[in-house]
C-alpha atoms as a PDB file:
ATOM      1  CA  MET A   1       0.000   0.000   0.000  1.00  0.00           C
ATOM      2  CA  THR A   2       1.363   3.386  -0.991  1.00  0.00           C
ATOM      3  CA  ARG A   3       1.321   6.611   1.000  1.00  0.00           C
ATOM      4  CA  ASP A   4      -1.155   8.089  -1.484  1.00  0.00           C
ATOM      5  CA  GLN A   5      -3.488   5.144  -0.939  1.00  0.00           C
ATOM      6  CA  VAL A   6      -3.238   5.661   2.806  1.00  0.00           C
ATOM      7  CA  LYS A   7      -4.092   9.339   2.365  1.00  0.00           C
ATOM      8  CA  GLU A   8      -7.161   8.324   0.357  1.00  0.00           C
ATOM      9  CA  ILE A   9      -8.196   5.945   3.142  1.00  0.00           C
ATOM     10  CA  VAL A  10      -7.880   8.736   5.704  1.00  0.00           C
ATOM     11  CA  LEU A  11      -9.855  11.158   3.531  1.00  0.00           C
ATOM     12  CA  ASN A  12     -12.537   8.530   3.017  1.00  0.00           C
ATOM     13  CA  ILE A  13     -12.843   8.021   6.764  1.00  0.00           C
ATOM     14  CA  ILE A  14     -13.023  11.790   7.309  1.00  0.00           C
ATOM     15  CA  SER A  15     -15.804  12.023   4.716  1.00  0.00           C
ATOM     16  CA  VAL A  16     -17.808   9.549   6.809  1.00  0.00           C
ATOM     17  CA  VAL A  17     -16.978  11.108  10.183  1.00  0.00           C
ATOM     18  CA  ALA A  18     -17.433  14.717   9.006  1.00  0.00           C
ATOM     19  CA  PRO A  19     -19.684  14.521   5.930  1.00  0.00           C
ATOM     20  CA  ASP A  20     -19.990  18.308   5.664  1.00  0.00           C
ATOM     21  CA  ALA A  21     -16.217  18.843   5.491  1.00  0.00           C
ATOM     22  CA  ASP A  22     -14.869  20.168   2.203  1.00  0.00           C
ATOM     23  CA  LEU A  23     -12.003  17.821   1.409  1.00  0.00           C
ATOM     24  CA  SER A  24     -11.208  19.274  -2.017  1.00  0.00           C
ATOM     25  CA  GLY A  25      -8.481  21.639  -0.805  1.00  0.00           C
ATOM     26  CA  VAL A  26      -6.933  19.634   2.022  1.00  0.00           C
ATOM     27  CA  LYS A  27      -3.197  20.279   2.264  1.00  0.00           C
ATOM     28  CA  SER A  28      -1.025  17.288   3.146  1.00  0.00           C
ATOM     29  CA  ASP A  29       1.280  19.125   5.519  1.00  0.00           C
ATOM     30  CA  VAL A  30      -1.243  21.158   7.540  1.00  0.00           C
ATOM     31  CA  ARG A  31      -3.007  19.835  10.638  1.00  0.00           C
ATOM     32  CA  LEU A  32      -6.326  18.290   9.663  1.00  0.00           C
ATOM     33  CA  ARG A  33      -8.111  19.688  12.702  1.00  0.00           C
ATOM     34  CA  ASP A  34      -7.085  23.212  11.698  1.00  0.00           C
ATOM     35  CA  GLN A  35      -8.152  22.807   8.076  1.00  0.00           C
ATOM     36  CA  LEU A  36     -11.432  21.008   8.649  1.00  0.00           C
ATOM     37  CA  GLU A  37     -12.532  22.440  11.985  1.00  0.00           C
ATOM     38  CA  MET A  38     -12.714  18.983  13.490  1.00  0.00           C
ATOM     39  CA  ASP A  39     -13.105  18.602  17.213  1.00  0.00           C
ATOM     40  CA  SER A  40     -11.683  15.933  19.478  1.00  0.00           C
ATOM     41  CA  MET A  41     -14.757  13.724  19.044  1.00  0.00           C
ATOM     42  CA  ASP A  42     -14.303  13.766  15.257  1.00  0.00           C
ATOM     43  CA  PHE A  43     -10.680  12.788  15.731  1.00  0.00           C
ATOM     44  CA  LEU A  44     -11.624   9.915  18.048  1.00  0.00           C
ATOM     45  CA  ASP A  45     -14.174   8.770  15.478  1.00  0.00           C
ATOM     46  CA  ILE A  46     -11.366   8.584  12.904  1.00  0.00           C
ATOM     47  CA  VAL A  47      -9.290   6.462  15.272  1.00  0.00           C
ATOM     48  CA  MET A  48     -12.297   4.211  15.899  1.00  0.00           C
ATOM     49  CA  GLU A  49     -12.914   3.800  12.156  1.00  0.00           C
ATOM     50  CA  LEU A  50      -9.285   2.789  11.644  1.00  0.00           C
ATOM     51  CA  ARG A  51      -9.746   0.131  14.297  1.00  0.00           C
ATOM     52  CA  LYS A  52     -13.095  -1.035  12.933  1.00  0.00           C
ATOM     53  CA  ARG A  53     -12.161  -1.148   9.244  1.00  0.00           C
ATOM     54  CA  TYR A  54      -8.485  -2.099   9.377  1.00  0.00           C
ATOM     55  CA  LYS A  55      -7.918  -3.539  12.878  1.00  0.00           C
ATOM     56  CA  ILE A  56      -5.322  -0.843  13.571  1.00  0.00           C
ATOM     57  CA  GLU A  57      -4.896   0.186  17.185  1.00  0.00           C
ATOM     58  CA  VAL A  58      -3.581   3.705  17.647  1.00  0.00           C
ATOM     59  CA  PRO A  59      -2.388   4.229  21.219  1.00  0.00           C
ATOM     60  CA  LYS A  60      -3.308   7.534  22.805  1.00  0.00           C
ATOM     61  CA  GLU A  61       0.338   8.572  22.933  1.00  0.00           C
ATOM     62  CA  ASP A  62       0.515   8.265  19.114  1.00  0.00           C
ATOM     63  CA  TYR A  63      -2.500  10.467  18.346  1.00  0.00           C
ATOM     64  CA  GLN A  64      -0.254  13.452  17.493  1.00  0.00           C
ATOM     65  CA  GLN A  65       1.207  11.364  14.658  1.00  0.00           C
ATOM     66  CA  LEU A  66      -2.177  11.557  12.911  1.00  0.00           C
ATOM     67  CA  ALA A  67      -2.207  15.349  12.796  1.00  0.00           C
ATOM     68  CA  SER A  68      -1.798  15.881   9.027  1.00  0.00           C
ATOM     69  CA  LEU A  69      -2.288  13.741   5.944  1.00  0.00           C
ATOM     70  CA  ASP A  70       1.480  13.431   5.560  1.00  0.00           C
ATOM     71  CA  SER A  71       1.957  12.301   9.144  1.00  0.00           C
ATOM     72  CA  CYS A  72      -1.007   9.908   8.833  1.00  0.00           C
ATOM     73  CA  ALA A  73       0.585   8.349   5.771  1.00  0.00           C
ATOM     74  CA  GLU A  74       3.950   8.035   7.506  1.00  0.00           C
ATOM     75  CA  TYR A  75       2.426   6.449  10.609  1.00  0.00           C
ATOM     76  CA  LEU A  76      -0.228   4.248   8.979  1.00  0.00           C
ATOM     77  CA  THR A  77       1.509   2.946   5.837  1.00  0.00           C
ATOM     78  CA  PRO A  78       3.610   0.282   7.611  1.00  0.00           C
ATOM     79  CA  ARG A  79       0.674  -0.708   9.830  1.00  0.00           C
ATOM     80  CA  LEU A  80      -1.694  -1.083   6.890  1.00  0.00           C
ATOM     81  CA  GLN A  81       0.907  -3.141   5.052  1.00  0.00           C
ATOM     82  CA  GLU A  82       1.121  -5.482   8.049  1.00  0.00           C
ATOM     83  CA  VAL A  83      -2.664  -5.869   8.015  1.00  0.00           C
ATOM     84  CA  ALA A  84      -2.657  -6.566   4.264  1.00  0.00           C
ATOM     85  CA  VAL A  85      -0.049  -9.298   4.706  1.00  0.00           C
ATOM     86  CA  SER A  86      -1.800 -11.079   7.552  1.00  0.00           C
END
């Protein structure tokens, strides 16, 4: 799985969690919460969707690594590849 595919997965999850969010101009290197006016509950919903859909556990201490699309891709790519292999 590529980083771009991971970014698409994250954007897809955001579109479900925050259906009114305009994802057309999301910048990869800017915090998602700042761009999309997401609150902490929206963020937790994203984490829960990752667990539900892909069986990925994100420990609380790693939440900051899901701040932007770039950091999501960096953090999630190896984890999604492990899931794909198993």
